[in-house]
Amino acid sequence: PYQDQALLGWCSGALIGDQYVATAGHCIREIAGSGSPCRDTVFIFGAT
């Protein structure tokens, strides 16, 4: 399913305050010790 769609992202999150997003700890290097750090990460609303 959806094999023709591009894979830009690597994790999901949700806006829980007007400037705060909740996501999984394993998605962030500062928590998981590996993966992408905060400074290299963007959060995209929509992304349909």
PDB file of all heavy atoms in Angstrom:
ATOM      1  N   PRO A   1       0.838  -1.201   0.000  1.00  0.00           N
ATOM      2  CA  PRO A   1       0.000   0.000   0.000  1.00  0.00           C
ATOM      3  C   PRO A   1       0.875   1.254   0.000  1.00  0.00           C
ATOM      4  O   PRO A   1       1.874   1.316   0.719  1.00  0.00           O
ATOM      5  CB  PRO A   1      -0.787  -0.132   1.311  1.00  0.00           C
ATOM      6  CG  PRO A   1      -0.774  -1.588   1.620  1.00  0.00           C
ATOM      7  CD  PRO A   1       0.556  -2.092   1.128  1.00  0.00           C
ATOM      8  N   TYR A   2       0.524   2.183  -0.834  1.00  0.00           N
ATOM      9  CA  TYR A   2       1.203   3.484  -0.905  1.00  0.00           C
ATOM     10  C   TYR A   2       2.664   3.357  -1.332  1.00  0.00           C
ATOM     11  O   TYR A   2       3.480   4.228  -1.042  1.00  0.00           O
ATOM     12  CB  TYR A   2       1.112   4.214   0.435  1.00  0.00           C
ATOM     13  CG  TYR A   2      -0.273   4.216   1.026  1.00  0.00           C
ATOM     14  CD1 TYR A   2      -0.560   3.517   2.205  1.00  0.00           C
ATOM     15  CD2 TYR A   2      -1.309   4.883   0.408  1.00  0.00           C
ATOM     16  CE1 TYR A   2      -1.832   3.496   2.741  1.00  0.00           C
ATOM     17  CE2 TYR A   2      -2.593   4.874   0.931  1.00  0.00           C
ATOM     18  CZ  TYR A   2      -2.847   4.174   2.097  1.00  0.00           C
ATOM     19  OH  TYR A   2      -4.104   4.158   2.627  1.00  0.00           O
ATOM     20  N   GLN A   3       3.020   2.302  -2.045  1.00  0.00           N
ATOM     21  CA  GLN A   3       4.420   2.100  -2.389  1.00  0.00           C
ATOM     22  C   GLN A   3       4.958   3.152  -3.357  1.00  0.00           C
ATOM     23  O   GLN A   3       6.177   3.290  -3.513  1.00  0.00           O
ATOM     24  CB  GLN A   3       4.625   0.713  -2.990  1.00  0.00           C
ATOM     25  CG  GLN A   3       3.945   0.506  -4.349  1.00  0.00           C
ATOM     26  CD  GLN A   3       4.287  -0.849  -4.945  1.00  0.00           C
ATOM     27  OE1 GLN A   3       4.952  -1.654  -4.322  1.00  0.00           O
ATOM     28  NE2 GLN A   3       3.822  -1.087  -6.150  1.00  0.00           N
ATOM     29  N   ASP A   4       4.060   3.904  -3.992  1.00  0.00           N
ATOM     30  CA  ASP A   4       4.502   4.935  -4.925  1.00  0.00           C
ATOM     31  C   ASP A   4       4.711   6.281  -4.242  1.00  0.00           C
ATOM     32  O   ASP A   4       5.118   7.249  -4.897  1.00  0.00           O
ATOM     33  CB  ASP A   4       3.478   5.090  -6.050  1.00  0.00           C
ATOM     34  CG  ASP A   4       2.089   5.465  -5.542  1.00  0.00           C
ATOM     35  OD1 ASP A   4       1.774   5.124  -4.377  1.00  0.00           O
ATOM     36  OD2 ASP A   4       1.328   6.085  -6.288  1.00  0.00           O
ATOM     37  N   GLN A   5       4.444   6.374  -2.938  1.00  0.00           N
ATOM     38  CA  GLN A   5       4.557   7.658  -2.243  1.00  0.00           C
ATOM     39  C   GLN A   5       5.954   7.848  -1.659  1.00  0.00           C
ATOM     40  O   GLN A   5       6.592   6.895  -1.207  1.00  0.00           O
ATOM     41  CB  GLN A   5       3.501   7.754  -1.133  1.00  0.00           C
ATOM     42  CG  GLN A   5       2.085   7.759  -1.668  1.00  0.00           C
ATOM     43  CD  GLN A   5       1.041   7.932  -0.580  1.00  0.00           C
ATOM     44  OE1 GLN A   5       1.345   7.913   0.610  1.00  0.00           O
ATOM     45  NE2 GLN A   5      -0.215   8.100  -0.989  1.00  0.00           N
ATOM     46  N   ALA A   6       6.415   9.082  -1.662  1.00  0.00           N
ATOM     47  CA  ALA A   6       7.739   9.407  -1.144  1.00  0.00           C
ATOM     48  C   ALA A   6       7.773   9.297   0.377  1.00  0.00           C
ATOM     49  O   ALA A   6       6.778   9.546   1.059  1.00  0.00           O
ATOM     50  CB  ALA A   6       8.137  10.815  -1.572  1.00  0.00           C
ATOM     51  N   LEU A   7       8.943   8.926   0.894  1.00  0.00           N
ATOM     52  CA  LEU A   7       9.154   8.815   2.333  1.00  0.00           C
ATOM     53  C   LEU A   7      10.060   9.954   2.780  1.00  0.00           C
ATOM     54  O   LEU A   7      11.284   9.818   2.795  1.00  0.00           O
ATOM     55  CB  LEU A   7       9.799   7.463   2.679  1.00  0.00           C
ATOM     56  CG  LEU A   7       9.026   6.207   2.288  1.00  0.00           C
ATOM     57  CD1 LEU A   7       9.827   4.967   2.670  1.00  0.00           C
ATOM     58  CD2 LEU A   7       7.658   6.176   2.963  1.00  0.00           C
ATOM     59  N   LEU A   8       9.459  11.076   3.134  1.00  0.00           N
ATOM     60  CA  LEU A   8      10.238  12.232   3.573  1.00  0.00           C
ATOM     61  C   LEU A   8      10.506  12.185   5.074  1.00  0.00           C
ATOM     62  O   LEU A   8      11.599  12.492   5.530  1.00  0.00           O
ATOM     63  CB  LEU A   8       9.508  13.528   3.221  1.00  0.00           C
ATOM     64  CG  LEU A   8      10.161  14.810   3.743  1.00  0.00           C
ATOM     65  CD1 LEU A   8      11.514  15.036   3.073  1.00  0.00           C
ATOM     66  CD2 LEU A   8       9.251  16.015   3.529  1.00  0.00           C
ATOM     67  N   GLY A   9       9.493  11.826   5.842  1.00  0.00           N
ATOM     68  CA  GLY A   9       9.614  11.864   7.294  1.00  0.00           C
ATOM     69  C   GLY A   9      10.144  10.573   7.877  1.00  0.00           C
ATOM     70  O   GLY A   9      10.455   9.621   7.168  1.00  0.00           O
ATOM     71  N   TRP A  10      10.246  10.552   9.214  1.00  0.00           N
ATOM     72  CA  TRP A  10      10.674   9.336   9.902  1.00  0.00           C
ATOM     73  C   TRP A  10       9.992   9.154  11.254  1.00  0.00           C
ATOM     74  O   TRP A  10      10.198   8.139  11.913  1.00  0.00           O
ATOM     75  CB  TRP A  10      12.197   9.306  10.079  1.00  0.00           C
ATOM     76  CG  TRP A  10      12.841  10.644  10.289  1.00  0.00           C
ATOM     77  CD1 TRP A  10      13.418  11.431   9.337  1.00  0.00           C
ATOM     78  CD2 TRP A  10      12.974  11.375  11.509  1.00  0.00           C
ATOM     79  NE1 TRP A  10      13.901  12.592   9.884  1.00  0.00           N
ATOM     80  CE2 TRP A  10      13.652  12.587  11.221  1.00  0.00           C
ATOM     81  CE3 TRP A  10      12.596  11.125  12.825  1.00  0.00           C
ATOM     82  CZ2 TRP A  10      13.960  13.539  12.186  1.00  0.00           C
ATOM     83  CZ3 TRP A  10      12.897  12.064  13.795  1.00  0.00           C
ATOM     84  CH2 TRP A  10      13.563  13.261  13.465  1.00  0.00           C
ATOM     85  N   CYS A  11       9.155  10.079  11.659  1.00  0.00           N
ATOM     86  CA  CYS A  11       8.380   9.921  12.892  1.00  0.00           C
ATOM     87  C   CYS A  11       7.168  10.850  12.834  1.00  0.00           C
ATOM     88  O   CYS A  11       7.077  11.729  11.976  1.00  0.00           O
ATOM     89  CB  CYS A  11       9.214  10.245  14.139  1.00  0.00           C
ATOM     90  SG  CYS A  11      10.069   8.815  14.869  1.00  0.00           S
ATOM     91  N   SER A  12       6.237  10.637  13.766  1.00  0.00           N
ATOM     92  CA  SER A  12       5.027  11.447  13.858  1.00  0.00           C
ATOM     93  C   SER A  12       4.975  12.132  15.222  1.00  0.00           C
ATOM     94  O   SER A  12       5.653  11.731  16.169  1.00  0.00           O
ATOM     95  CB  SER A  12       3.777  10.571  13.692  1.00  0.00           C
ATOM     96  OG  SER A  12       3.843   9.798  12.524  1.00  0.00           O
ATOM     97  N   GLY A  13       4.137  13.138  15.305  1.00  0.00           N
ATOM     98  CA  GLY A  13       3.927  13.825  16.576  1.00  0.00           C
ATOM     99  C   GLY A  13       2.586  14.533  16.563  1.00  0.00           C
ATOM    100  O   GLY A  13       1.848  14.475  15.571  1.00  0.00           O
ATOM    101  N   ALA A  14       2.285  15.212  17.673  1.00  0.00           N
ATOM    102  CA  ALA A  14       1.023  15.943  17.787  1.00  0.00           C
ATOM    103  C   ALA A  14       1.239  17.224  18.577  1.00  0.00           C
ATOM    104  O   ALA A  14       2.000  17.237  19.566  1.00  0.00           O
ATOM    105  CB  ALA A  14      -0.042  15.090  18.459  1.00  0.00           C
ATOM    106  N   LEU A  15       0.587  18.275  18.140  1.00  0.00           N
ATOM    107  CA  LEU A  15       0.650  19.557  18.839  1.00  0.00           C
ATOM    108  C   LEU A  15      -0.160  19.455  20.127  1.00  0.00           C
ATOM    109  O   LEU A  15      -1.353  19.159  20.103  1.00  0.00           O
ATOM    110  CB  LEU A  15       0.088  20.664  17.947  1.00  0.00           C
ATOM    111  CG  LEU A  15       0.257  22.098  18.447  1.00  0.00           C
ATOM    112  CD1 LEU A  15       1.726  22.515  18.384  1.00  0.00           C
ATOM    113  CD2 LEU A  15      -0.605  23.051  17.614  1.00  0.00           C
ATOM    114  N   ILE A  16       0.488  19.700  21.282  1.00  0.00           N
ATOM    115  CA  ILE A  16      -0.209  19.606  22.574  1.00  0.00           C
ATOM    116  C   ILE A  16      -0.270  20.954  23.284  1.00  0.00           C
ATOM    117  O   ILE A  16      -0.884  21.076  24.340  1.00  0.00           O
ATOM    118  CB  ILE A  16       0.443  18.562  23.490  1.00  0.00           C
ATOM    119  CG1 ILE A  16       1.912  18.919  23.755  1.00  0.00           C
ATOM    120  CG2 ILE A  16       0.323  17.165  22.877  1.00  0.00           C
ATOM    121  CD1 ILE A  16       2.552  18.062  24.841  1.00  0.00           C
ATOM    122  N   GLY A  17       0.379  21.942  22.751  1.00  0.00           N
ATOM    123  CA  GLY A  17       0.333  23.312  23.238  1.00  0.00           C
ATOM    124  C   GLY A  17       0.649  24.195  22.051  1.00  0.00           C
ATOM    125  O   GLY A  17       1.085  23.699  21.009  1.00  0.00           O
ATOM    126  N   ASP A  18       0.453  25.511  22.175  1.00  0.00           N
ATOM    127  CA  ASP A  18       0.622  26.328  20.971  1.00  0.00           C
ATOM    128  C   ASP A  18       2.066  26.413  20.489  1.00  0.00           C
ATOM    129  O   ASP A  18       2.333  26.930  19.400  1.00  0.00           O
ATOM    130  CB  ASP A  18       0.032  27.722  21.163  1.00  0.00           C
ATOM    131  CG  ASP A  18       0.695  28.515  22.288  1.00  0.00           C
ATOM    132  OD1 ASP A  18       1.730  28.053  22.832  1.00  0.00           O
ATOM    133  OD2 ASP A  18       0.175  29.592  22.621  1.00  0.00           O
ATOM    134  N   GLN A  19       3.020  25.861  21.272  1.00  0.00           N
ATOM    135  CA  GLN A  19       4.415  25.848  20.849  1.00  0.00           C
ATOM    136  C   GLN A  19       5.108  24.531  21.221  1.00  0.00           C
ATOM    137  O   GLN A  19       6.335  24.452  21.208  1.00  0.00           O
ATOM    138  CB  GLN A  19       5.170  27.038  21.468  1.00  0.00           C
ATOM    139  CG  GLN A  19       6.442  27.425  20.719  1.00  0.00           C
ATOM    140  CD  GLN A  19       7.061  28.705  21.244  1.00  0.00           C
ATOM    141  OE1 GLN A  19       6.467  29.425  22.055  1.00  0.00           O
ATOM    142  NE2 GLN A  19       8.252  29.030  20.773  1.00  0.00           N
ATOM    143  N   TYR A  20       4.308  23.484  21.517  1.00  0.00           N
ATOM    144  CA  TYR A  20       4.899  22.236  21.994  1.00  0.00           C
ATOM    145  C   TYR A  20       4.310  21.035  21.250  1.00  0.00           C
ATOM    146  O   TYR A  20       3.096  20.953  21.047  1.00  0.00           O
ATOM    147  CB  TYR A  20       4.670  22.079  23.500  1.00  0.00           C
ATOM    148  CG  TYR A  20       5.396  23.132  24.305  1.00  0.00           C
ATOM    149  CD1 TYR A  20       4.784  24.349  24.596  1.00  0.00           C
ATOM    150  CD2 TYR A  20       6.694  22.915  24.749  1.00  0.00           C
ATOM    151  CE1 TYR A  20       5.449  25.329  25.317  1.00  0.00           C
ATOM    152  CE2 TYR A  20       7.370  23.891  25.472  1.00  0.00           C
ATOM    153  CZ  TYR A  20       6.751  25.090  25.752  1.00  0.00           C
ATOM    154  OH  TYR A  20       7.416  26.059  26.459  1.00  0.00           O
ATOM    155  N   VAL A  21       5.199  20.107  20.890  1.00  0.00           N
ATOM    156  CA  VAL A  21       4.808  18.891  20.196  1.00  0.00           C
ATOM    157  C   VAL A  21       5.240  17.680  21.013  1.00  0.00           C
ATOM    158  O   VAL A  21       6.355  17.638  21.544  1.00  0.00           O
ATOM    159  CB  VAL A  21       5.460  18.828  18.790  1.00  0.00           C
ATOM    160  CG1 VAL A  21       5.400  17.427  18.207  1.00  0.00           C
ATOM    161  CG2 VAL A  21       4.776  19.814  17.843  1.00  0.00           C
ATOM    162  N   ALA A  22       4.347  16.703  21.108  1.00  0.00           N
ATOM    163  CA  ALA A  22       4.673  15.425  21.737  1.00  0.00           C
ATOM    164  C   ALA A  22       4.990  14.410  20.648  1.00  0.00           C
ATOM    165  O   ALA A  22       4.292  14.323  19.637  1.00  0.00           O
ATOM    166  CB  ALA A  22       3.502  14.924  22.582  1.00  0.00           C
ATOM    167  N   THR A  23       6.059  13.653  20.857  1.00  0.00           N
ATOM    168  CA  THR A  23       6.430  12.600  19.927  1.00  0.00           C
ATOM    169  C   THR A  23       7.005  11.444  20.732  1.00  0.00           C
ATOM    170  O   THR A  23       6.966  11.452  21.966  1.00  0.00           O
ATOM    171  CB  THR A  23       7.436  13.120  18.871  1.00  0.00           C
ATOM    172  OG1 THR A  23       7.676  12.102  17.902  1.00  0.00           O
ATOM    173  CG2 THR A  23       8.744  13.543  19.505  1.00  0.00           C
ATOM    174  N   ALA A  24       7.534  10.450  20.064  1.00  0.00           N
ATOM    175  CA  ALA A  24       8.136   9.309  20.747  1.00  0.00           C
ATOM    176  C   ALA A  24       9.576   9.626  21.134  1.00  0.00           C
ATOM    177  O   ALA A  24      10.297  10.293  20.387  1.00  0.00           O
ATOM    178  CB  ALA A  24       8.097   8.071  19.854  1.00  0.00           C
ATOM    179  N   GLY A  25       9.991   9.132  22.284  1.00  0.00           N
ATOM    180  CA  GLY A  25      11.361   9.360  22.723  1.00  0.00           C
ATOM    181  C   GLY A  25      12.384   8.751  21.791  1.00  0.00           C
ATOM    182  O   GLY A  25      13.481   9.306  21.610  1.00  0.00           O
ATOM    183  N   HIS A  26      12.033   7.627  21.172  1.00  0.00           N
ATOM    184  CA  HIS A  26      13.005   6.973  20.285  1.00  0.00           C
ATOM    185  C   HIS A  26      13.220   7.755  18.995  1.00  0.00           C
ATOM    186  O   HIS A  26      14.116   7.416  18.212  1.00  0.00           O
ATOM    187  CB  HIS A  26      12.564   5.532  19.974  1.00  0.00           C
ATOM    188  CG  HIS A  26      11.334   5.433  19.135  1.00  0.00           C
ATOM    189  ND1 HIS A  26      10.096   5.116  19.663  1.00  0.00           N
ATOM    190  CD2 HIS A  26      11.134   5.589  17.799  1.00  0.00           C
ATOM    191  CE1 HIS A  26       9.207   5.086  18.687  1.00  0.00           C
ATOM    192  NE2 HIS A  26       9.805   5.369  17.545  1.00  0.00           N
ATOM    193  N   CYS A  27      12.428   8.803  18.771  1.00  0.00           N
ATOM    194  CA  CYS A  27      12.570   9.613  17.565  1.00  0.00           C
ATOM    195  C   CYS A  27      13.604  10.726  17.712  1.00  0.00           C
ATOM    196  O   CYS A  27      13.978  11.350  16.715  1.00  0.00           O
ATOM    197  CB  CYS A  27      11.225  10.250  17.200  1.00  0.00           C
ATOM    198  SG  CYS A  27       9.934   9.076  16.745  1.00  0.00           S
ATOM    199  N   ILE A  28      14.058  11.002  18.928  1.00  0.00           N
ATOM    200  CA  ILE A  28      14.900  12.164  19.192  1.00  0.00           C
ATOM    201  C   ILE A  28      16.218  11.734  19.833  1.00  0.00           C
ATOM    202  O   ILE A  28      16.211  11.006  20.827  1.00  0.00           O
ATOM    203  CB  ILE A  28      14.170  13.161  20.125  1.00  0.00           C
ATOM    204  CG1 ILE A  28      12.853  13.633  19.489  1.00  0.00           C
ATOM    205  CG2 ILE A  28      15.057  14.347  20.450  1.00  0.00           C
ATOM    206  CD1 ILE A  28      13.030  14.480  18.239  1.00  0.00           C
ATOM    207  N   ARG A  29      17.325  12.173  19.282  1.00  0.00           N
ATOM    208  CA  ARG A  29      18.638  11.756  19.786  1.00  0.00           C
ATOM    209  C   ARG A  29      18.844  12.143  21.242  1.00  0.00           C
ATOM    210  O   ARG A  29      19.464  11.389  22.010  1.00  0.00           O
ATOM    211  CB  ARG A  29      19.755  12.364  18.942  1.00  0.00           C
ATOM    212  CG  ARG A  29      21.155  11.984  19.439  1.00  0.00           C
ATOM    213  CD  ARG A  29      22.254  12.598  18.584  1.00  0.00           C
ATOM    214  NE  ARG A  29      22.232  12.074  17.230  1.00  0.00           N
ATOM    215  CZ  ARG A  29      23.075  12.479  16.282  1.00  0.00           C
ATOM    216  NH1 ARG A  29      23.974  13.418  16.550  1.00  0.00           N
ATOM    217  NH2 ARG A  29      23.020  11.958  15.073  1.00  0.00           N
ATOM    218  N   GLU A  30      18.349  13.321  21.650  1.00  0.00           N
ATOM    219  CA  GLU A  30      18.562  13.758  23.025  1.00  0.00           C
ATOM    220  C   GLU A  30      17.942  12.792  24.036  1.00  0.00           C
ATOM    221  O   GLU A  30      18.363  12.751  25.195  1.00  0.00           O
ATOM    222  CB  GLU A  30      17.978  15.158  23.229  1.00  0.00           C
ATOM    223  CG  GLU A  30      18.818  16.283  22.635  1.00  0.00           C
ATOM    224  CD  GLU A  30      18.570  16.509  21.151  1.00  0.00           C
ATOM    225  OE1 GLU A  30      17.906  15.672  20.490  1.00  0.00           O
ATOM    226  OE2 GLU A  30      19.035  17.527  20.630  1.00  0.00           O
ATOM    227  N   ILE A  31      16.946  12.033  23.617  1.00  0.00           N
ATOM    228  CA  ILE A  31      16.302  11.059  24.506  1.00  0.00           C
ATOM    229  C   ILE A  31      16.805   9.650  24.224  1.00  0.00           C
ATOM    230  O   ILE A  31      17.117   8.878  25.133  1.00  0.00           O
ATOM    231  CB  ILE A  31      14.761  11.094  24.345  1.00  0.00           C
ATOM    232  CG1 ILE A  31      14.241  12.515  24.570  1.00  0.00           C
ATOM    233  CG2 ILE A  31      14.099  10.117  25.301  1.00  0.00           C
ATOM    234  CD1 ILE A  31      14.551  13.090  25.935  1.00  0.00           C
ATOM    235  N   ALA A  32      16.919   9.295  22.950  1.00  0.00           N
ATOM    236  CA  ALA A  32      17.250   7.914  22.578  1.00  0.00           C
ATOM    237  C   ALA A  32      18.747   7.644  22.533  1.00  0.00           C
ATOM    238  O   ALA A  32      19.173   6.489  22.607  1.00  0.00           O
ATOM    239  CB  ALA A  32      16.626   7.580  21.224  1.00  0.00           C
ATOM    240  N   GLY A  33      19.552   8.697  22.381  1.00  0.00           N
ATOM    241  CA  GLY A  33      20.980   8.501  22.254  1.00  0.00           C
ATOM    242  C   GLY A  33      21.426   8.233  20.832  1.00  0.00           C
ATOM    243  O   GLY A  33      22.613   8.086  20.559  1.00  0.00           O
ATOM    244  N   SER A  34      20.481   8.147  19.903  1.00  0.00           N
ATOM    245  CA  SER A  34      20.783   7.943  18.496  1.00  0.00           C
ATOM    246  C   SER A  34      19.685   8.598  17.672  1.00  0.00           C
ATOM    247  O   SER A  34      18.669   9.033  18.208  1.00  0.00           O
ATOM    248  CB  SER A  34      20.886   6.450  18.162  1.00  0.00           C
ATOM    249  OG  SER A  34      19.651   5.796  18.416  1.00  0.00           O
ATOM    250  N   GLY A  35      19.897   8.649  16.358  1.00  0.00           N
ATOM    251  CA  GLY A  35      18.897   9.268  15.501  1.00  0.00           C
ATOM    252  C   GLY A  35      19.175  10.748  15.304  1.00  0.00           C
ATOM    253  O   GLY A  35      20.274  11.247  15.553  1.00  0.00           O
ATOM    254  N   SER A  36      18.154  11.481  14.899  1.00  0.00           N
ATOM    255  CA  SER A  36      18.310  12.891  14.562  1.00  0.00           C
ATOM    256  C   SER A  36      18.199  13.771  15.805  1.00  0.00           C
ATOM    257  O   SER A  36      17.264  13.619  16.593  1.00  0.00           O
ATOM    258  CB  SER A  36      17.242  13.302  13.541  1.00  0.00           C
ATOM    259  OG  SER A  36      17.417  14.636  13.146  1.00  0.00           O
ATOM    260  N   PRO A  37      19.135  14.723  15.998  1.00  0.00           N
ATOM    261  CA  PRO A  37      19.014  15.645  17.131  1.00  0.00           C
ATOM    262  C   PRO A  37      17.998  16.740  16.854  1.00  0.00           C
ATOM    263  O   PRO A  37      17.618  16.977  15.701  1.00  0.00           O
ATOM    264  CB  PRO A  37      20.425  16.224  17.256  1.00  0.00           C
ATOM    265  CG  PRO A  37      20.960  16.180  15.862  1.00  0.00           C
ATOM    266  CD  PRO A  37      20.374  14.933  15.239  1.00  0.00           C
ATOM    267  N   CYS A  38      17.602  17.419  17.904  1.00  0.00           N
ATOM    268  CA  CYS A  38      16.617  18.500  17.802  1.00  0.00           C
ATOM    269  C   CYS A  38      17.021  19.529  16.754  1.00  0.00           C
ATOM    270  O   CYS A  38      16.205  19.942  15.933  1.00  0.00           O
ATOM    271  CB  CYS A  38      16.455  19.144  19.177  1.00  0.00           C
ATOM    272  SG  CYS A  38      15.463  20.654  19.224  1.00  0.00           S
ATOM    273  N   ARG A  39      18.276  19.934  16.763  1.00  0.00           N
ATOM    274  CA  ARG A  39      18.704  21.026  15.877  1.00  0.00           C
ATOM    275  C   ARG A  39      18.565  20.690  14.394  1.00  0.00           C
ATOM    276  O   ARG A  39      18.513  21.583  13.550  1.00  0.00           O
ATOM    277  CB  ARG A  39      20.152  21.407  16.175  1.00  0.00           C
ATOM    278  CG  ARG A  39      21.170  20.330  15.829  1.00  0.00           C
ATOM    279  CD  ARG A  39      22.595  20.789  16.058  1.00  0.00           C
ATOM    280  NE  ARG A  39      23.566  19.753  15.705  1.00  0.00           N
ATOM    281  CZ  ARG A  39      23.988  18.811  16.532  1.00  0.00           C
ATOM    282  NH1 ARG A  39      23.522  18.793  17.792  1.00  0.00           N
ATOM    283  NH2 ARG A  39      24.863  17.909  16.138  1.00  0.00           N
ATOM    284  N   ASP A  40      18.518  19.385  14.063  1.00  0.00           N
ATOM    285  CA  ASP A  40      18.423  18.970  12.662  1.00  0.00           C
ATOM    286  C   ASP A  40      17.013  18.550  12.262  1.00  0.00           C
ATOM    287  O   ASP A  40      16.810  18.051  11.152  1.00  0.00           O
ATOM    288  CB  ASP A  40      19.372  17.793  12.399  1.00  0.00           C
ATOM    289  CG  ASP A  40      20.835  18.167  12.569  1.00  0.00           C
ATOM    290  OD1 ASP A  40      21.147  19.372  12.452  1.00  0.00           O
ATOM    291  OD2 ASP A  40      21.649  17.268  12.833  1.00  0.00           O
ATOM    292  N   THR A  41      16.046  18.759  13.159  1.00  0.00           N
ATOM    293  CA  THR A  41      14.684  18.257  12.951  1.00  0.00           C
ATOM    294  C   THR A  41      13.714  19.398  12.662  1.00  0.00           C
ATOM    295  O   THR A  41      13.789  20.462  13.282  1.00  0.00           O
ATOM    296  CB  THR A  41      14.205  17.485  14.200  1.00  0.00           C
ATOM    297  OG1 THR A  41      15.111  16.410  14.455  1.00  0.00           O
ATOM    298  CG2 THR A  41      12.806  16.929  14.003  1.00  0.00           C
ATOM    299  N   VAL A  42      12.807  19.148  11.723  1.00  0.00           N
ATOM    300  CA  VAL A  42      11.698  20.070  11.483  1.00  0.00           C
ATOM    301  C   VAL A  42      10.386  19.326  11.702  1.00  0.00           C
ATOM    302  O   VAL A  42      10.312  18.100  11.558  1.00  0.00           O
ATOM    303  CB  VAL A  42      11.726  20.683  10.068  1.00  0.00           C
ATOM    304  CG1 VAL A  42      12.891  21.632   9.919  1.00  0.00           C
ATOM    305  CG2 VAL A  42      11.768  19.602   8.998  1.00  0.00           C
ATOM    306  N   PHE A  43       9.358  20.084  12.040  1.00  0.00           N
ATOM    307  CA  PHE A  43       8.013  19.556  12.258  1.00  0.00           C
ATOM    308  C   PHE A  43       7.098  20.166  11.201  1.00  0.00           C
ATOM    309  O   PHE A  43       6.986  21.392  11.102  1.00  0.00           O
ATOM    310  CB  PHE A  43       7.519  19.909  13.662  1.00  0.00           C
ATOM    311  CG  PHE A  43       8.373  19.338  14.759  1.00  0.00           C
ATOM    312  CD1 PHE A  43       9.515  20.011  15.187  1.00  0.00           C
ATOM    313  CD2 PHE A  43       8.042  18.134  15.361  1.00  0.00           C
ATOM    314  CE1 PHE A  43      10.307  19.487  16.202  1.00  0.00           C
ATOM    315  CE2 PHE A  43       8.830  17.605  16.370  1.00  0.00           C
ATOM    316  CZ  PHE A  43       9.966  18.284  16.789  1.00  0.00           C
ATOM    317  N   ILE A  44       6.448  19.305  10.417  1.00  0.00           N
ATOM    318  CA  ILE A  44       5.642  19.762   9.288  1.00  0.00           C
ATOM    319  C   ILE A  44       4.170  19.439   9.542  1.00  0.00           C
ATOM    320  O   ILE A  44       3.799  18.261   9.679  1.00  0.00           O
ATOM    321  CB  ILE A  44       6.090  19.094   7.979  1.00  0.00           C
ATOM    322  CG1 ILE A  44       7.593  19.270   7.771  1.00  0.00           C
ATOM    323  CG2 ILE A  44       5.305  19.667   6.798  1.00  0.00           C
ATOM    324  CD1 ILE A  44       8.140  18.478   6.600  1.00  0.00           C
ATOM    325  N   PHE A  45       3.334  20.466   9.596  1.00  0.00           N
ATOM    326  CA  PHE A  45       1.888  20.272   9.711  1.00  0.00           C
ATOM    327  C   PHE A  45       1.314  20.048   8.315  1.00  0.00           C
ATOM    328  O   PHE A  45       1.773  20.632   7.336  1.00  0.00           O
ATOM    329  CB  PHE A  45       1.229  21.488  10.360  1.00  0.00           C
ATOM    330  CG  PHE A  45       1.567  21.635  11.817  1.00  0.00           C
ATOM    331  CD1 PHE A  45       2.663  22.387  12.208  1.00  0.00           C
ATOM    332  CD2 PHE A  45       0.815  21.002  12.790  1.00  0.00           C
ATOM    333  CE1 PHE A  45       2.992  22.533  13.546  1.00  0.00           C
ATOM    334  CE2 PHE A  45       1.135  21.130  14.129  1.00  0.00           C
ATOM    335  CZ  PHE A  45       2.222  21.896  14.508  1.00  0.00           C
ATOM    336  N   GLY A  46       0.310  19.214   8.235  1.00  0.00           N
ATOM    337  CA  GLY A  46      -0.276  18.872   6.944  1.00  0.00           C
ATOM    338  C   GLY A  46       0.418  17.640   6.402  1.00  0.00           C
ATOM    339  O   GLY A  46       0.083  16.517   6.757  1.00  0.00           O
ATOM    340  N   ALA A  47       1.402  17.850   5.559  1.00  0.00           N
ATOM    341  CA  ALA A  47       2.192  16.749   4.981  1.00  0.00           C
ATOM    342  C   ALA A  47       1.279  15.657   4.426  1.00  0.00           C
ATOM    343  O   ALA A  47       1.482  14.474   4.685  1.00  0.00           O
ATOM    344  CB  ALA A  47       3.168  16.187   6.004  1.00  0.00           C
ATOM    345  N   THR A  48       0.267  16.063   3.678  1.00  0.00           N
ATOM    346  CA  THR A  48      -0.669  15.122   3.071  1.00  0.00           C
ATOM    347  C   THR A  48      -0.045  14.503   1.816  1.00  0.00           C
ATOM    348  O   THR A  48       1.003  14.944   1.334  1.00  0.00           O
ATOM    349  CB  THR A  48      -1.971  15.821   2.685  1.00  0.00           C
ATOM    350  OG1 THR A  48      -1.690  16.803   1.669  1.00  0.00           O
ATOM    351  CG2 THR A  48      -2.598  16.516   3.890  1.00  0.00           C
TER     352      THR A  48
END
